Amino acid sequence: PDYEGGPRGHQSRREQLFPLALAEKALAVQVENGNASVPSDKTHILNSIAGKPLADLDSPPLEMCQHYMEVNQALHGRFAAALYRVALESQWAKMHGTLQPALLQNPCSMLALSFHEC
């Protein structure tokens, strides 16, 4: 169906319903502190992110590495981009200090926002 404001208008309406308390948690996610339903999956995921060779995927993961930081920054930036309009409309004063630094770390080269029905 056609949405007023086009695809970005539809996306904005969908994002409006995202709970800001959950968004704040998303902006603090650290992949190295995550869990997996199967412990070996976490090990494999972290070792893949760290760039270990396939033969070393079962080795104990690093506690911290530059690649984890890069993934964390990318996740935070993408969440910040998705939440930007919602924060502008509702809790800018509270979220501004968290969103701005995260956006600066976003690996995307373009950010498109819809202010339709804003």
N, C-alpha and C. Protein backbone atom coordinates (compact mmCIF):
# COMPACT_ATOMS: atom_id res chain seq x y z
N PRO A 1 0.83 -1.20 0.00
CA PRO A 1 0.00 0.00 0.00
C PRO A 1 0.87 1.26 0.00
N ASP A 2 0.26 2.34 -0.50
CA ASP A 2 0.94 3.64 -0.50
C ASP A 2 0.80 4.27 0.88
N TYR A 3 1.89 4.78 1.38
CA TYR A 3 1.90 5.46 2.67
C TYR A 3 2.19 6.92 2.44
N GLU A 4 1.45 7.76 3.14
CA GLU A 4 1.71 9.18 3.06
C GLU A 4 3.12 9.45 3.55
N GLY A 5 3.88 10.16 2.76
CA GLY A 5 5.28 10.38 3.11
C GLY A 5 6.19 9.33 2.50
N GLY A 6 5.62 8.38 1.75
CA GLY A 6 6.42 7.36 1.09
C GLY A 6 7.02 6.37 2.07
N PRO A 7 8.01 5.62 1.62
CA PRO A 7 8.61 4.60 2.47
C PRO A 7 9.21 5.17 3.76
N ARG A 8 9.79 6.35 3.68
CA ARG A 8 10.38 6.94 4.89
C ARG A 8 9.29 7.38 5.86
N GLY A 9 8.15 7.81 5.34
CA GLY A 9 7.03 8.15 6.21
C GLY A 9 6.52 6.93 6.94
N HIS A 10 6.44 5.81 6.22
CA HIS A 10 6.02 4.55 6.84
C HIS A 10 7.02 4.13 7.91
N GLN A 11 8.30 4.23 7.58
CA GLN A 11 9.34 3.86 8.53
C GLN A 11 9.27 4.74 9.77
N SER A 12 9.06 6.02 9.60
CA SER A 12 8.97 6.95 10.74
C SER A 12 7.82 6.58 11.67
N ARG A 13 6.67 6.24 11.08
CA ARG A 13 5.54 5.85 11.92
C ARG A 13 5.83 4.56 12.68
N ARG A 14 6.52 3.64 12.04
CA ARG A 14 6.88 2.38 12.69
C ARG A 14 7.86 2.63 13.84
N GLU A 15 8.84 3.49 13.61
CA GLU A 15 9.86 3.77 14.62
C GLU A 15 9.31 4.56 15.80
N GLN A 16 8.22 5.30 15.58
CA GLN A 16 7.60 6.08 16.66
C GLN A 16 7.20 5.19 17.83
N LEU A 17 6.88 3.95 17.56
CA LEU A 17 6.39 3.04 18.58
C LEU A 17 7.52 2.35 19.35
N PHE A 18 8.76 2.57 18.93
CA PHE A 18 9.88 1.91 19.59
C PHE A 18 10.07 2.48 20.99
N PRO A 19 10.10 1.65 22.02
CA PRO A 19 10.22 2.16 23.39
C PRO A 19 11.59 2.80 23.64
N LEU A 20 11.60 4.05 24.08
CA LEU A 20 12.87 4.76 24.28
C LEU A 20 13.74 4.13 25.36
N ALA A 21 13.14 3.51 26.35
CA ALA A 21 13.94 2.84 27.39
C ALA A 21 14.77 1.72 26.77
N LEU A 22 14.18 1.00 25.84
CA LEU A 22 14.89 -0.06 25.15
C LEU A 22 15.95 0.53 24.22
N ALA A 23 15.64 1.66 23.63
CA ALA A 23 16.60 2.34 22.75
C ALA A 23 17.84 2.74 23.52
N GLU A 24 17.66 3.24 24.72
CA GLU A 24 18.80 3.64 25.53
C GLU A 24 19.70 2.43 25.81
N LYS A 25 19.09 1.29 26.06
CA LYS A 25 19.88 0.07 26.28
C LYS A 25 20.62 -0.32 24.99
N ALA A 26 19.94 -0.18 23.85
CA ALA A 26 20.55 -0.54 22.57
C ALA A 26 21.79 0.32 22.30
N LEU A 27 21.76 1.56 22.74
CA LEU A 27 22.89 2.46 22.51
C LEU A 27 24.07 2.14 23.42
N ALA A 28 23.89 1.22 24.34
CA ALA A 28 24.97 0.84 25.25
C ALA A 28 25.41 -0.62 25.04
N VAL A 29 24.86 -1.29 24.04
CA VAL A 29 25.18 -2.69 23.77
C VAL A 29 26.68 -2.84 23.50
N GLN A 30 27.25 -3.90 24.05
CA GLN A 30 28.64 -4.26 23.79
C GLN A 30 28.63 -5.72 23.34
N VAL A 31 29.00 -5.99 22.09
CA VAL A 31 28.90 -7.35 21.58
C VAL A 31 29.67 -8.35 22.43
N GLU A 32 30.78 -7.93 22.99
CA GLU A 32 31.59 -8.86 23.78
C GLU A 32 30.91 -9.27 25.08
N ASN A 33 29.89 -8.53 25.50
CA ASN A 33 29.15 -8.86 26.72
C ASN A 33 27.84 -9.59 26.43
N GLY A 34 27.57 -9.86 25.17
CA GLY A 34 26.32 -10.51 24.80
C GLY A 34 26.31 -11.99 25.13
N ASN A 35 25.16 -12.57 24.98
CA ASN A 35 24.98 -14.00 25.22
C ASN A 35 24.42 -14.65 23.96
N ALA A 36 24.55 -15.94 23.92
CA ALA A 36 23.97 -16.73 22.83
C ALA A 36 23.29 -17.94 23.46
N SER A 37 22.30 -18.46 22.79
CA SER A 37 21.59 -19.62 23.34
C SER A 37 22.51 -20.84 23.43
N VAL A 38 23.50 -20.88 22.58
CA VAL A 38 24.50 -21.95 22.61
C VAL A 38 25.85 -21.28 22.86
N PRO A 39 26.53 -21.59 23.97
CA PRO A 39 27.79 -20.91 24.30
C PRO A 39 28.83 -20.92 23.18
N SER A 40 28.91 -22.01 22.44
CA SER A 40 29.90 -22.07 21.36
C SER A 40 29.58 -21.04 20.26
N ASP A 41 28.30 -20.69 20.10
CA ASP A 41 27.94 -19.67 19.11
C ASP A 41 28.57 -18.33 19.47
N LYS A 42 28.51 -17.97 20.76
CA LYS A 42 29.12 -16.71 21.20
C LYS A 42 30.61 -16.73 20.89
N THR A 43 31.27 -17.83 21.20
CA THR A 43 32.71 -17.96 20.93
C THR A 43 32.99 -17.79 19.45
N HIS A 44 32.22 -18.46 18.61
CA HIS A 44 32.43 -18.38 17.16
C HIS A 44 32.17 -16.97 16.65
N ILE A 45 31.11 -16.35 17.14
CA ILE A 45 30.76 -14.99 16.68
C ILE A 45 31.86 -14.01 17.06
N LEU A 46 32.29 -14.04 18.33
CA LEU A 46 33.32 -13.10 18.77
C LEU A 46 34.64 -13.35 18.04
N ASN A 47 35.00 -14.61 17.85
CA ASN A 47 36.23 -14.89 17.13
C ASN A 47 36.14 -14.49 15.66
N SER A 48 34.97 -14.60 15.07
CA SER A 48 34.78 -14.13 13.69
C SER A 48 34.92 -12.62 13.62
N ILE A 49 34.28 -11.92 14.56
CA ILE A 49 34.39 -10.46 14.60
C ILE A 49 35.85 -10.05 14.78
N ALA A 50 36.57 -10.77 15.63
CA ALA A 50 37.97 -10.45 15.91
C ALA A 50 38.89 -10.75 14.72
N GLY A 51 38.35 -11.43 13.72
CA GLY A 51 39.15 -11.73 12.53
C GLY A 51 40.04 -12.95 12.66
N LYS A 52 39.74 -13.81 13.62
CA LYS A 52 40.55 -15.03 13.77
C LYS A 52 40.29 -15.95 12.58
N PRO A 53 41.30 -16.73 12.20
CA PRO A 53 41.10 -17.68 11.09
C PRO A 53 40.11 -18.78 11.47
N LEU A 54 39.52 -19.38 10.48
CA LEU A 54 38.52 -20.42 10.68
C LEU A 54 39.01 -21.52 11.63
N ALA A 55 40.26 -21.88 11.55
CA ALA A 55 40.81 -22.94 12.40
C ALA A 55 40.83 -22.55 13.88
N ASP A 56 40.75 -21.25 14.17
CA ASP A 56 40.82 -20.77 15.55
C ASP A 56 39.47 -20.34 16.12
N LEU A 57 38.38 -20.61 15.42
CA LEU A 57 37.06 -20.15 15.89
C LEU A 57 36.65 -20.76 17.22
N ASP A 58 37.19 -21.92 17.57
CA ASP A 58 36.84 -22.55 18.85
C ASP A 58 37.74 -22.12 20.00
N SER A 59 38.75 -21.31 19.73
CA SER A 59 39.65 -20.85 20.79
C SER A 59 38.92 -19.83 21.67
N PRO A 60 39.39 -19.65 22.91
CA PRO A 60 38.72 -18.68 23.79
C PRO A 60 38.74 -17.28 23.14
N PRO A 61 37.61 -16.59 23.16
CA PRO A 61 37.58 -15.26 22.53
C PRO A 61 38.37 -14.23 23.34
N LEU A 62 38.81 -13.20 22.65
CA LEU A 62 39.48 -12.08 23.31
C LEU A 62 38.48 -11.36 24.20
N GLU A 63 38.96 -10.81 25.31
CA GLU A 63 38.06 -10.03 26.16
C GLU A 63 37.70 -8.71 25.50
N MET A 64 38.67 -8.12 24.80
CA MET A 64 38.43 -6.85 24.11
C MET A 64 39.36 -6.78 22.91
N CYS A 65 38.88 -6.18 21.84
CA CYS A 65 39.74 -5.94 20.68
C CYS A 65 39.15 -4.80 19.86
N GLN A 66 39.94 -4.25 18.98
CA GLN A 66 39.53 -3.12 18.14
C GLN A 66 38.31 -3.48 17.29
N HIS A 67 38.23 -4.71 16.82
CA HIS A 67 37.10 -5.12 15.98
C HIS A 67 35.79 -5.10 16.76
N TYR A 68 35.82 -5.49 18.03
CA TYR A 68 34.61 -5.40 18.86
C TYR A 68 34.17 -3.94 18.95
N MET A 69 35.13 -3.06 19.19
CA MET A 69 34.81 -1.64 19.32
C MET A 69 34.19 -1.10 18.03
N GLU A 70 34.71 -1.52 16.90
CA GLU A 70 34.17 -1.07 15.61
C GLU A 70 32.74 -1.56 15.40
N VAL A 71 32.47 -2.81 15.77
CA VAL A 71 31.11 -3.34 15.64
C VAL A 71 30.17 -2.62 16.60
N ASN A 72 30.62 -2.39 17.82
CA ASN A 72 29.80 -1.67 18.81
C ASN A 72 29.47 -0.27 18.30
N GLN A 73 30.46 0.42 17.76
CA GLN A 73 30.22 1.77 17.24
C GLN A 73 29.24 1.75 16.07
N ALA A 74 29.38 0.77 15.19
CA ALA A 74 28.46 0.66 14.06
C ALA A 74 27.03 0.40 14.53
N LEU A 75 26.87 -0.51 15.50
CA LEU A 75 25.54 -0.79 16.05
C LEU A 75 24.94 0.46 16.70
N HIS A 76 25.73 1.13 17.51
CA HIS A 76 25.24 2.34 18.19
C HIS A 76 24.84 3.40 17.18
N GLY A 77 25.64 3.55 16.13
CA GLY A 77 25.33 4.54 15.10
C GLY A 77 24.05 4.22 14.36
N ARG A 78 23.85 2.96 14.06
CA ARG A 78 22.62 2.57 13.34
C ARG A 78 21.38 2.73 14.22
N PHE A 79 21.51 2.38 15.50
CA PHE A 79 20.39 2.60 16.42
C PHE A 79 20.10 4.09 16.55
N ALA A 80 21.14 4.89 16.66
CA ALA A 80 20.97 6.34 16.81
C ALA A 80 20.27 6.92 15.59
N ALA A 81 20.65 6.47 14.41
CA ALA A 81 20.01 6.96 13.18
C ALA A 81 18.53 6.59 13.17
N ALA A 82 18.22 5.37 13.56
CA ALA A 82 16.83 4.91 13.57
C ALA A 82 16.00 5.65 14.61
N LEU A 83 16.61 6.09 15.69
CA LEU A 83 15.88 6.71 16.79
C LEU A 83 15.88 8.23 16.75
N TYR A 84 16.57 8.79 15.81
CA TYR A 84 16.78 10.24 15.81
C TYR A 84 15.47 11.03 15.82
N ARG A 85 14.58 10.70 14.91
CA ARG A 85 13.33 11.46 14.83
C ARG A 85 12.50 11.26 16.10
N VAL A 86 12.41 10.04 16.58
CA VAL A 86 11.63 9.77 17.80
C VAL A 86 12.18 10.60 18.95
N ALA A 87 13.49 10.65 19.05
CA ALA A 87 14.11 11.44 20.12
C ALA A 87 13.83 12.92 19.94
N LEU A 88 13.88 13.41 18.71
CA LEU A 88 13.58 14.82 18.45
C LEU A 88 12.17 15.16 18.90
N GLU A 89 11.24 14.26 18.65
CA GLU A 89 9.84 14.53 18.94
C GLU A 89 9.48 14.37 20.42
N SER A 90 10.24 13.56 21.15
CA SER A 90 9.77 13.26 22.49
C SER A 90 10.76 13.55 23.60
N GLN A 91 11.97 13.09 23.47
CA GLN A 91 12.89 13.19 24.61
C GLN A 91 14.26 13.68 24.16
N TRP A 92 14.29 14.73 23.38
CA TRP A 92 15.55 15.22 22.84
C TRP A 92 16.55 15.59 23.94
N ALA A 93 16.08 16.29 24.94
CA ALA A 93 16.99 16.74 26.01
C ALA A 93 17.67 15.55 26.68
N LYS A 94 16.92 14.49 26.86
CA LYS A 94 17.46 13.29 27.52
C LYS A 94 18.38 12.50 26.60
N MET A 95 18.02 12.39 25.33
CA MET A 95 18.72 11.50 24.41
C MET A 95 19.85 12.18 23.62
N HIS A 96 19.82 13.50 23.51
CA HIS A 96 20.77 14.22 22.66
C HIS A 96 22.23 13.85 22.94
N GLY A 97 22.61 13.80 24.20
CA GLY A 97 23.99 13.50 24.56
C GLY A 97 24.43 12.10 24.20
N THR A 98 23.49 11.21 24.02
CA THR A 98 23.81 9.83 23.65
C THR A 98 23.75 9.64 22.13
N LEU A 99 22.77 10.27 21.49
CA LEU A 99 22.59 10.07 20.05
C LEU A 99 23.68 10.73 19.22
N GLN A 100 24.05 11.95 19.57
CA GLN A 100 25.02 12.68 18.76
C GLN A 100 26.36 11.93 18.64
N PRO A 101 26.97 11.50 19.75
CA PRO A 101 28.24 10.77 19.60
C PRO A 101 28.08 9.47 18.82
N ALA A 102 26.95 8.78 19.03
CA ALA A 102 26.72 7.52 18.31
C ALA A 102 26.59 7.77 16.81
N LEU A 103 25.91 8.85 16.44
CA LEU A 103 25.75 9.17 15.01
C LEU A 103 27.10 9.46 14.36
N LEU A 104 27.97 10.11 15.09
CA LEU A 104 29.29 10.43 14.54
C LEU A 104 30.09 9.17 14.24
N GLN A 105 29.75 8.07 14.88
CA GLN A 105 30.47 6.81 14.68
C GLN A 105 29.76 5.90 13.68
N ASN A 106 28.63 6.35 13.17
CA ASN A 106 27.86 5.54 12.23
C ASN A 106 28.64 5.37 10.93
N PRO A 107 28.84 4.14 10.48
CA PRO A 107 29.62 3.93 9.25
C PRO A 107 28.85 4.29 7.97
N CYS A 108 27.57 4.59 8.08
CA CYS A 108 26.80 4.95 6.89
C CYS A 108 27.22 6.33 6.40
N SER A 109 27.24 6.48 5.10
CA SER A 109 27.68 7.75 4.52
C SER A 109 26.52 8.73 4.33
N MET A 110 25.28 8.25 4.50
CA MET A 110 24.14 9.13 4.29
C MET A 110 23.06 8.81 5.33
N LEU A 111 22.41 9.83 5.82
CA LEU A 111 21.30 9.67 6.75
C LEU A 111 20.11 10.41 6.18
N ALA A 112 19.02 9.70 5.94
CA ALA A 112 17.80 10.31 5.41
C ALA A 112 16.72 10.21 6.47
N LEU A 113 16.15 11.35 6.83
CA LEU A 113 15.08 11.39 7.83
C LEU A 113 13.82 11.95 7.18
N SER A 114 12.69 11.46 7.61
CA SER A 114 11.42 12.01 7.16
C SER A 114 10.81 12.80 8.30
N PHE A 115 10.44 14.04 8.02
CA PHE A 115 9.78 14.86 9.01
C PHE A 115 8.30 15.03 8.66
N HIS A 116 7.81 14.11 7.84
CA HIS A 116 6.39 14.10 7.48
C HIS A 116 5.58 13.86 8.75
N GLU A 117 4.55 14.62 8.96
CA GLU A 117 3.68 14.53 10.14
C GLU A 117 4.42 14.83 11.43
N CYS A 118 5.48 15.56 11.34
CA CYS A 118 6.28 15.87 12.52
C CYS A 118 5.68 17.06 13.28
